[in-house]
PDB file of all heavy atoms in Angstrom:
ATOM      1  N   GLY A   1       4.965 -22.355   2.886  1.00  0.00           N
ATOM      2  CA  GLY A   1       3.505 -22.150   2.991  1.00  0.00           C
ATOM      3  C   GLY A   1       3.052 -20.753   2.626  1.00  0.00           C
ATOM      4  O   GLY A   1       1.906 -20.431   2.793  1.00  0.00           O
ATOM      5  N   TYR A   2       3.976 -19.922   2.112  1.00  0.00           N
ATOM      6  CA  TYR A   2       3.609 -18.569   1.768  1.00  0.00           C
ATOM      7  C   TYR A   2       2.613 -18.530   0.601  1.00  0.00           C
ATOM      8  O   TYR A   2       1.715 -17.688   0.588  1.00  0.00           O
ATOM      9  CB  TYR A   2       4.877 -17.786   1.404  1.00  0.00           C
ATOM     10  CG  TYR A   2       5.864 -17.456   2.489  1.00  0.00           C
ATOM     11  CD1 TYR A   2       7.142 -17.026   2.156  1.00  0.00           C
ATOM     12  CD2 TYR A   2       5.478 -17.652   3.818  1.00  0.00           C
ATOM     13  CE1 TYR A   2       8.028 -16.746   3.205  1.00  0.00           C
ATOM     14  CE2 TYR A   2       6.339 -17.334   4.834  1.00  0.00           C
ATOM     15  CZ  TYR A   2       7.655 -16.916   4.527  1.00  0.00           C
ATOM     16  OH  TYR A   2       8.558 -16.646   5.499  1.00  0.00           O
ATOM     17  N   TYR A   3       2.782 -19.457  -0.361  1.00  0.00           N
ATOM     18  CA  TYR A   3       1.912 -19.407  -1.522  1.00  0.00           C
ATOM     19  C   TYR A   3       0.440 -19.653  -1.187  1.00  0.00           C
ATOM     20  O   TYR A   3      -0.466 -18.990  -1.640  1.00  0.00           O
ATOM     21  CB  TYR A   3       2.413 -20.359  -2.589  1.00  0.00           C
ATOM     22  CG  TYR A   3       1.647 -20.302  -3.881  1.00  0.00           C
ATOM     23  CD1 TYR A   3       1.677 -19.174  -4.670  1.00  0.00           C
ATOM     24  CD2 TYR A   3       0.969 -21.363  -4.342  1.00  0.00           C
ATOM     25  CE1 TYR A   3       1.025 -19.027  -5.865  1.00  0.00           C
ATOM     26  CE2 TYR A   3       0.279 -21.317  -5.558  1.00  0.00           C
ATOM     27  CZ  TYR A   3       0.285 -20.168  -6.318  1.00  0.00           C
ATOM     28  OH  TYR A   3      -0.404 -20.121  -7.528  1.00  0.00           O
ATOM     29  N   ASP A   4       0.224 -20.671  -0.344  1.00  0.00           N
ATOM     30  CA  ASP A   4      -1.165 -20.973   0.027  1.00  0.00           C
ATOM     31  C   ASP A   4      -1.782 -19.836   0.834  1.00  0.00           C
ATOM     32  O   ASP A   4      -2.975 -19.567   0.626  1.00  0.00           O
ATOM     33  CB  ASP A   4      -1.203 -22.286   0.864  1.00  0.00           C
ATOM     34  CG  ASP A   4      -0.908 -23.519   0.038  1.00  0.00           C
ATOM     35  OD1 ASP A   4      -1.449 -23.598  -1.067  1.00  0.00           O
ATOM     36  OD2 ASP A   4      -0.213 -24.445   0.499  1.00  0.00           O
ATOM     37  N   ALA A   5      -1.006 -19.238   1.683  1.00  0.00           N
ATOM     38  CA  ALA A   5      -1.521 -18.098   2.437  1.00  0.00           C
ATOM     39  C   ALA A   5      -1.854 -16.931   1.525  1.00  0.00           C
ATOM     40  O   ALA A   5      -2.865 -16.233   1.675  1.00  0.00           O
ATOM     41  CB  ALA A   5      -0.471 -17.654   3.498  1.00  0.00           C
ATOM     42  N   HIS A   6      -1.005 -16.731   0.507  1.00  0.00           N
ATOM     43  CA  HIS A   6      -1.197 -15.678  -0.482  1.00  0.00           C
ATOM     44  C   HIS A   6      -2.461 -15.919  -1.307  1.00  0.00           C
ATOM     45  O   HIS A   6      -3.274 -15.028  -1.476  1.00  0.00           O
ATOM     46  CB  HIS A   6       0.012 -15.558  -1.369  1.00  0.00           C
ATOM     47  CG  HIS A   6      -0.169 -14.674  -2.557  1.00  0.00           C
ATOM     48  ND1 HIS A   6      -0.447 -13.334  -2.431  1.00  0.00           N
ATOM     49  CD2 HIS A   6      -0.171 -14.925  -3.873  1.00  0.00           C
ATOM     50  CE1 HIS A   6      -0.562 -12.786  -3.641  1.00  0.00           C
ATOM     51  NE2 HIS A   6      -0.401 -13.733  -4.523  1.00  0.00           N
ATOM     52  N   LEU A   7      -2.639 -17.182  -1.717  1.00  0.00           N
ATOM     53  CA  LEU A   7      -3.828 -17.503  -2.521  1.00  0.00           C
ATOM     54  C   LEU A   7      -5.075 -17.249  -1.717  1.00  0.00           C
ATOM     55  O   LEU A   7      -6.067 -16.676  -2.243  1.00  0.00           O
ATOM     56  CB  LEU A   7      -3.776 -18.979  -2.984  1.00  0.00           C
ATOM     57  CG  LEU A   7      -2.940 -19.393  -4.172  1.00  0.00           C
ATOM     58  CD1 LEU A   7      -2.999 -20.850  -4.463  1.00  0.00           C
ATOM     59  CD2 LEU A   7      -3.239 -18.513  -5.385  1.00  0.00           C
ATOM     60  N   LYS A   8      -5.103 -17.635  -0.494  1.00  0.00           N
ATOM     61  CA  LYS A   8      -6.288 -17.405   0.347  1.00  0.00           C
ATOM     62  C   LYS A   8      -6.568 -15.906   0.455  1.00  0.00           C
ATOM     63  O   LYS A   8      -7.756 -15.484   0.456  1.00  0.00           O
ATOM     64  CB  LYS A   8      -6.045 -18.047   1.691  1.00  0.00           C
ATOM     65  CG  LYS A   8      -7.298 -17.959   2.623  1.00  0.00           C
ATOM     66  CD  LYS A   8      -7.032 -18.665   3.933  1.00  0.00           C
ATOM     67  CE  LYS A   8      -8.291 -18.593   4.846  1.00  0.00           C
ATOM     68  NZ  LYS A   8      -8.090 -19.339   6.122  1.00  0.00           N
ATOM     69  N   SER A   9      -5.512 -15.126   0.606  1.00  0.00           N
ATOM     70  CA  SER A   9      -5.688 -13.678   0.766  1.00  0.00           C
ATOM     71  C   SER A   9      -6.213 -13.057  -0.471  1.00  0.00           C
ATOM     72  O   SER A   9      -7.179 -12.303  -0.471  1.00  0.00           O
ATOM     73  CB  SER A   9      -4.340 -13.053   1.119  1.00  0.00           C
ATOM     74  OG  SER A   9      -4.409 -11.625   1.079  1.00  0.00           O
ATOM     75  N   ILE A  10      -5.597 -13.341  -1.644  1.00  0.00           N
ATOM     76  CA  ILE A  10      -6.065 -12.710  -2.873  1.00  0.00           C
ATOM     77  C   ILE A  10      -7.458 -13.206  -3.324  1.00  0.00           C
ATOM     78  O   ILE A  10      -8.246 -12.495  -3.885  1.00  0.00           O
ATOM     79  CB  ILE A  10      -5.067 -12.929  -4.032  1.00  0.00           C
ATOM     80  CG1 ILE A  10      -4.926 -14.419  -4.427  1.00  0.00           C
ATOM     81  CG2 ILE A  10      -3.741 -12.342  -3.701  1.00  0.00           C
ATOM     82  CD1 ILE A  10      -4.142 -14.646  -5.711  1.00  0.00           C
ATOM     83  N   GLN A  11      -7.764 -14.461  -2.978  1.00  0.00           N
ATOM     84  CA  GLN A  11      -9.088 -14.938  -3.299  1.00  0.00           C
ATOM     85  C   GLN A  11     -10.170 -14.127  -2.598  1.00  0.00           C
ATOM     86  O   GLN A  11     -11.198 -13.749  -3.164  1.00  0.00           O
ATOM     87  CB  GLN A  11      -9.221 -16.397  -2.968  1.00  0.00           C
ATOM     88  CG  GLN A  11      -8.487 -17.333  -3.929  1.00  0.00           C
ATOM     89  CD  GLN A  11      -8.364 -18.760  -3.413  1.00  0.00           C
ATOM     90  OE1 GLN A  11      -8.761 -19.095  -2.232  1.00  0.00           O
ATOM     91  NE2 GLN A  11      -7.798 -19.677  -4.176  1.00  0.00           N
ATOM     92  N   GLY A  12      -9.950 -13.797  -1.347  1.00  0.00           N
ATOM     93  CA  GLY A  12     -10.927 -13.011  -0.598  1.00  0.00           C
ATOM     94  C   GLY A  12     -10.989 -11.599  -1.116  1.00  0.00           C
ATOM     95  O   GLY A  12     -12.113 -11.082  -1.281  1.00  0.00           O
ATOM     96  N   ILE A  13      -9.847 -10.995  -1.530  1.00  0.00           N
ATOM     97  CA  ILE A  13      -9.850  -9.633  -2.039  1.00  0.00           C
ATOM     98  C   ILE A  13     -10.505  -9.652  -3.390  1.00  0.00           C
ATOM     99  O   ILE A  13     -11.373  -8.749  -3.717  1.00  0.00           O
ATOM    100  CB  ILE A  13      -8.397  -9.090  -2.137  1.00  0.00           C
ATOM    101  CG1 ILE A  13      -7.823  -8.940  -0.704  1.00  0.00           C
ATOM    102  CG2 ILE A  13      -8.354  -7.792  -2.886  1.00  0.00           C
ATOM    103  CD1 ILE A  13      -6.343  -8.590  -0.732  1.00  0.00           C
ATOM    104  N   VAL A  14     -10.165 -10.579  -4.244  1.00  0.00           N
ATOM    105  CA  VAL A  14     -10.741 -10.625  -5.588  1.00  0.00           C
ATOM    106  C   VAL A  14     -12.216 -10.915  -5.526  1.00  0.00           C
ATOM    107  O   VAL A  14     -13.030 -10.393  -6.345  1.00  0.00           O
ATOM    108  CB  VAL A  14      -9.989 -11.634  -6.496  1.00  0.00           C
ATOM    109  CG1 VAL A  14     -10.660 -11.789  -7.828  1.00  0.00           C
ATOM    110  CG2 VAL A  14      -8.578 -11.177  -6.741  1.00  0.00           C
ATOM    111  N   ASP A  15     -12.683 -11.790  -4.631  1.00  0.00           N
ATOM    112  CA  ASP A  15     -14.105 -12.066  -4.435  1.00  0.00           C
ATOM    113  C   ASP A  15     -14.852 -10.758  -4.150  1.00  0.00           C
ATOM    114  O   ASP A  15     -15.884 -10.522  -4.703  1.00  0.00           O
ATOM    115  CB  ASP A  15     -14.288 -13.023  -3.349  1.00  0.00           C
ATOM    116  CG  ASP A  15     -14.029 -14.534  -3.734  1.00  0.00           C
ATOM    117  OD1 ASP A  15     -13.853 -14.743  -4.948  1.00  0.00           O
ATOM    118  OD2 ASP A  15     -13.986 -15.356  -2.789  1.00  0.00           O
ATOM    119  N   GLU A  16     -14.296  -9.928  -3.251  1.00  0.00           N
ATOM    120  CA  GLU A  16     -14.956  -8.725  -2.919  1.00  0.00           C
ATOM    121  C   GLU A  16     -14.979  -7.748  -4.092  1.00  0.00           C
ATOM    122  O   GLU A  16     -15.992  -7.091  -4.354  1.00  0.00           O
ATOM    123  CB  GLU A  16     -14.225  -8.053  -1.721  1.00  0.00           C
ATOM    124  CG  GLU A  16     -14.817  -6.723  -1.229  1.00  0.00           C
ATOM    125  CD  GLU A  16     -16.300  -6.913  -0.866  1.00  0.00           C
ATOM    126  OE1 GLU A  16     -16.622  -7.988  -0.240  1.00  0.00           O
ATOM    127  OE2 GLU A  16     -17.104  -6.004  -1.099  1.00  0.00           O
ATOM    128  N   ARG A  17     -13.927  -7.650  -4.863  1.00  0.00           N
ATOM    129  CA  ARG A  17     -13.898  -6.779  -6.019  1.00  0.00           C
ATOM    130  C   ARG A  17     -14.848  -7.336  -7.113  1.00  0.00           C
ATOM    131  O   ARG A  17     -15.444  -6.503  -7.879  1.00  0.00           O
ATOM    132  CB  ARG A  17     -12.460  -6.651  -6.573  1.00  0.00           C
ATOM    133  CG  ARG A  17     -11.572  -5.912  -5.524  1.00  0.00           C
ATOM    134  CD  ARG A  17     -10.218  -5.569  -6.102  1.00  0.00           C
ATOM    135  NE  ARG A  17      -9.431  -4.889  -5.039  1.00  0.00           N
ATOM    136  CZ  ARG A  17      -8.229  -4.416  -5.220  1.00  0.00           C
ATOM    137  NH1 ARG A  17      -7.642  -4.513  -6.377  1.00  0.00           N
ATOM    138  NH2 ARG A  17      -7.600  -3.808  -4.224  1.00  0.00           N
ATOM    139  N   TYR A  18     -14.978  -8.626  -7.202  1.00  0.00           N
ATOM    140  CA  TYR A  18     -15.917  -9.201  -8.148  1.00  0.00           C
ATOM    141  C   TYR A  18     -17.324  -8.834  -7.753  1.00  0.00           C
ATOM    142  O   TYR A  18     -18.094  -8.371  -8.677  1.00  0.00           O
ATOM    143  CB  TYR A  18     -15.768 -10.735  -8.090  1.00  0.00           C
ATOM    144  CG  TYR A  18     -16.865 -11.529  -8.801  1.00  0.00           C
ATOM    145  CD1 TYR A  18     -17.038 -11.459 -10.177  1.00  0.00           C
ATOM    146  CD2 TYR A  18     -17.694 -12.386  -8.081  1.00  0.00           C
ATOM    147  CE1 TYR A  18     -17.997 -12.224 -10.821  1.00  0.00           C
ATOM    148  CE2 TYR A  18     -18.648 -13.174  -8.745  1.00  0.00           C
ATOM    149  CZ  TYR A  18     -18.788 -13.063 -10.123  1.00  0.00           C
ATOM    150  OH  TYR A  18     -19.780 -13.775 -10.724  1.00  0.00           O
ATOM    151  N   ARG A  19     -17.683  -8.962  -6.491  1.00  0.00           N
ATOM    152  CA  ARG A  19     -19.046  -8.527  -6.036  1.00  0.00           C
ATOM    153  C   ARG A  19     -19.250  -7.018  -6.323  1.00  0.00           C
ATOM    154  O   ARG A  19     -20.402  -6.665  -6.794  1.00  0.00           O
ATOM    155  CB  ARG A  19     -19.236  -8.866  -4.598  1.00  0.00           C
ATOM    156  CG  ARG A  19     -19.453 -10.325  -4.344  1.00  0.00           C
ATOM    157  CD  ARG A  19     -19.788 -10.613  -2.891  1.00  0.00           C
ATOM    158  NE  ARG A  19     -18.726 -10.368  -1.957  1.00  0.00           N
ATOM    159  CZ  ARG A  19     -17.939 -11.354  -1.513  1.00  0.00           C
ATOM    160  NH1 ARG A  19     -18.136 -12.597  -1.896  1.00  0.00           N
ATOM    161  NH2 ARG A  19     -16.983 -11.065  -0.660  1.00  0.00           N
ATOM    162  N   SER A  20     -18.251  -6.238  -6.046  1.00  0.00           N
ATOM    163  CA  SER A  20     -18.410  -4.819  -6.306  1.00  0.00           C
ATOM    164  C   SER A  20     -18.533  -4.471  -7.719  1.00  0.00           C
ATOM    165  O   SER A  20     -19.300  -3.592  -8.116  1.00  0.00           O
ATOM    166  CB  SER A  20     -17.149  -4.056  -5.705  1.00  0.00           C
ATOM    167  OG  SER A  20     -17.031  -4.218  -4.282  1.00  0.00           O
ATOM    168  N   CYS A  21     -17.854  -5.197  -8.601  1.00  0.00           N
ATOM    169  CA  CYS A  21     -17.888  -4.993 -10.022  1.00  0.00           C
ATOM    170  C   CYS A  21     -19.336  -5.298 -10.514  1.00  0.00           C
ATOM    171  O   CYS A  21     -19.893  -4.546 -11.308  1.00  0.00           O
ATOM    172  CB  CYS A  21     -16.857  -5.874 -10.767  1.00  0.00           C
ATOM    173  SG  CYS A  21     -16.921  -5.668 -12.541  1.00  0.00           S
ATOM    174  N   LEU A  22     -19.908  -6.397 -10.013  1.00  0.00           N
ATOM    175  CA  LEU A  22     -21.257  -6.766 -10.442  1.00  0.00           C
ATOM    176  C   LEU A  22     -22.246  -5.702 -10.040  1.00  0.00           C
ATOM    177  O   LEU A  22     -23.167  -5.303 -10.806  1.00  0.00           O
ATOM    178  CB  LEU A  22     -21.710  -8.109  -9.850  1.00  0.00           C
ATOM    179  CG  LEU A  22     -20.869  -9.367 -10.316  1.00  0.00           C
ATOM    180  CD1 LEU A  22     -21.464 -10.614  -9.674  1.00  0.00           C
ATOM    181  CD2 LEU A  22     -20.876  -9.505 -11.852  1.00  0.00           C
ATOM    182  N   GLU A  23     -22.125  -5.130  -8.864  1.00  0.00           N
ATOM    183  CA  GLU A  23     -23.021  -4.080  -8.350  1.00  0.00           C
ATOM    184  C   GLU A  23     -22.854  -2.840  -9.252  1.00  0.00           C
ATOM    185  O   GLU A  23     -23.840  -2.185  -9.614  1.00  0.00           O
ATOM    186  CB  GLU A  23     -22.745  -3.720  -6.921  1.00  0.00           C
ATOM    187  CG  GLU A  23     -23.080  -4.879  -5.962  1.00  0.00           C
ATOM    188  CD  GLU A  23     -22.729  -4.499  -4.524  1.00  0.00           C
ATOM    189  OE1 GLU A  23     -22.306  -3.351  -4.278  1.00  0.00           O
ATOM    190  OE2 GLU A  23     -22.965  -5.393  -3.638  1.00  0.00           O
ATOM    191  N   LEU A  24     -21.589  -2.422  -9.581  1.00  0.00           N
ATOM    192  CA  LEU A  24     -21.339  -1.308 -10.422  1.00  0.00           C
ATOM    193  C   LEU A  24     -21.941  -1.455 -11.797  1.00  0.00           C
ATOM    194  O   LEU A  24     -22.498  -0.517 -12.346  1.00  0.00           O
ATOM    195  CB  LEU A  24     -19.818  -1.053 -10.465  1.00  0.00           C
ATOM    196  CG  LEU A  24     -19.149  -0.555  -9.208  1.00  0.00           C
ATOM    197  CD1 LEU A  24     -17.634  -0.478  -9.389  1.00  0.00           C
ATOM    198  CD2 LEU A  24     -19.685   0.846  -8.768  1.00  0.00           C
ATOM    199  N   LEU A  25     -21.753  -2.676 -12.368  1.00  0.00           N
ATOM    200  CA  LEU A  25     -22.338  -2.889 -13.676  1.00  0.00           C
ATOM    201  C   LEU A  25     -23.827  -2.782 -13.683  1.00  0.00           C
ATOM    202  O   LEU A  25     -24.437  -2.230 -14.594  1.00  0.00           O
ATOM    203  CB  LEU A  25     -21.915  -4.298 -14.140  1.00  0.00           C
ATOM    204  CG  LEU A  25     -20.453  -4.460 -14.551  1.00  0.00           C
ATOM    205  CD1 LEU A  25     -20.104  -5.917 -14.808  1.00  0.00           C
ATOM    206  CD2 LEU A  25     -20.065  -3.584 -15.752  1.00  0.00           C
ATOM    207  N   GLU A  26     -24.473  -3.298 -12.620  1.00  0.00           N
ATOM    208  CA  GLU A  26     -25.946  -3.201 -12.479  1.00  0.00           C
ATOM    209  C   GLU A  26     -26.401  -1.793 -12.443  1.00  0.00           C
ATOM    210  O   GLU A  26     -27.384  -1.343 -13.056  1.00  0.00           O
ATOM    211  CB  GLU A  26     -26.402  -3.971 -11.259  1.00  0.00           C
ATOM    212  CG  GLU A  26     -26.253  -5.475 -11.293  1.00  0.00           C
ATOM    213  CD  GLU A  26     -27.343  -6.148 -12.083  1.00  0.00           C
ATOM    214  OE1 GLU A  26     -28.218  -5.465 -12.668  1.00  0.00           O
ATOM    215  OE2 GLU A  26     -27.277  -7.377 -12.141  1.00  0.00           O
ATOM    216  N   ASN A  27     -25.611  -0.901 -11.804  1.00  0.00           N
ATOM    217  CA  ASN A  27     -25.995   0.456 -11.572  1.00  0.00           C
ATOM    218  C   ASN A  27     -25.547   1.389 -12.715  1.00  0.00           C
ATOM    219  O   ASN A  27     -26.248   2.407 -12.959  1.00  0.00           O
ATOM    220  CB  ASN A  27     -25.368   0.989 -10.272  1.00  0.00           C
ATOM    221  CG  ASN A  27     -25.941   0.282  -9.069  1.00  0.00           C
ATOM    222  OD1 ASN A  27     -27.106  -0.133  -9.050  1.00  0.00           O
ATOM    223  ND2 ASN A  27     -25.119   0.163  -8.040  1.00  0.00           N
ATOM    224  N   LEU A  28     -24.467   1.069 -13.425  1.00  0.00           N
ATOM    225  CA  LEU A  28     -23.911   2.019 -14.358  1.00  0.00           C
ATOM    226  C   LEU A  28     -24.051   1.673 -15.832  1.00  0.00           C
ATOM    227  O   LEU A  28     -23.868   2.514 -16.711  1.00  0.00           O
ATOM    228  CB  LEU A  28     -22.418   2.181 -14.078  1.00  0.00           C
ATOM    229  CG  LEU A  28     -22.136   2.728 -12.595  1.00  0.00           C
ATOM    230  CD1 LEU A  28     -20.611   2.721 -12.406  1.00  0.00           C
ATOM    231  CD2 LEU A  28     -22.682   4.189 -12.508  1.00  0.00           C
ATOM    232  N   MET A  29     -24.329   0.430 -16.164  1.00  0.00           N
ATOM    233  CA  MET A  29     -24.387   0.040 -17.546  1.00  0.00           C
ATOM    234  C   MET A  29     -25.829   0.320 -18.130  1.00  0.00           C
ATOM    235  O   MET A  29     -26.815  -0.013 -17.544  1.00  0.00           O
ATOM    236  CB  MET A  29     -24.035  -1.424 -17.763  1.00  0.00           C
ATOM    237  CG  MET A  29     -22.519  -1.770 -17.560  1.00  0.00           C
ATOM    238  SD  MET A  29     -21.471  -0.865 -18.723  1.00  0.00           S
ATOM    239  CE  MET A  29     -20.861   0.474 -17.647  1.00  0.00           C
ATOM    240  N   PRO A  30     -25.895   0.854 -19.316  1.00  0.00           N
ATOM    241  CA  PRO A  30     -27.152   1.159 -20.010  1.00  0.00           C
ATOM    242  C   PRO A  30     -27.847  -0.141 -20.433  1.00  0.00           C
ATOM    243  O   PRO A  30     -27.190  -1.211 -20.492  1.00  0.00           O
ATOM    244  CB  PRO A  30     -26.777   2.010 -21.144  1.00  0.00           C
ATOM    245  CG  PRO A  30     -25.364   1.686 -21.452  1.00  0.00           C
ATOM    246  CD  PRO A  30     -24.737   1.368 -20.170  1.00  0.00           C
ATOM    247  N   GLU A  31     -29.093  -0.008 -20.880  1.00  0.00           N
ATOM    248  CA  GLU A  31     -29.835  -1.192 -21.287  1.00  0.00           C
ATOM    249  C   GLU A  31     -29.224  -1.806 -22.510  1.00  0.00           C
ATOM    250  O   GLU A  31     -28.662  -1.107 -23.413  1.00  0.00           O
ATOM    251  CB  GLU A  31     -31.268  -0.739 -21.667  1.00  0.00           C
ATOM    252  CG  GLU A  31     -32.212  -1.855 -22.040  1.00  0.00           C
ATOM    253  CD  GLU A  31     -33.586  -1.345 -22.337  1.00  0.00           C
ATOM    254  OE1 GLU A  31     -33.859  -0.179 -22.116  1.00  0.00           O
ATOM    255  OE2 GLU A  31     -34.470  -2.178 -22.752  1.00  0.00           O
TER     256      GLU A  31
END
């Protein structure tokens, strides 16, 4: 069951980094 637990963990971390990336792009990318 390690793989399913790992997937759940990385999905949460990657989701957070995805949201952060979108915020950074909105703030830092030129027109």
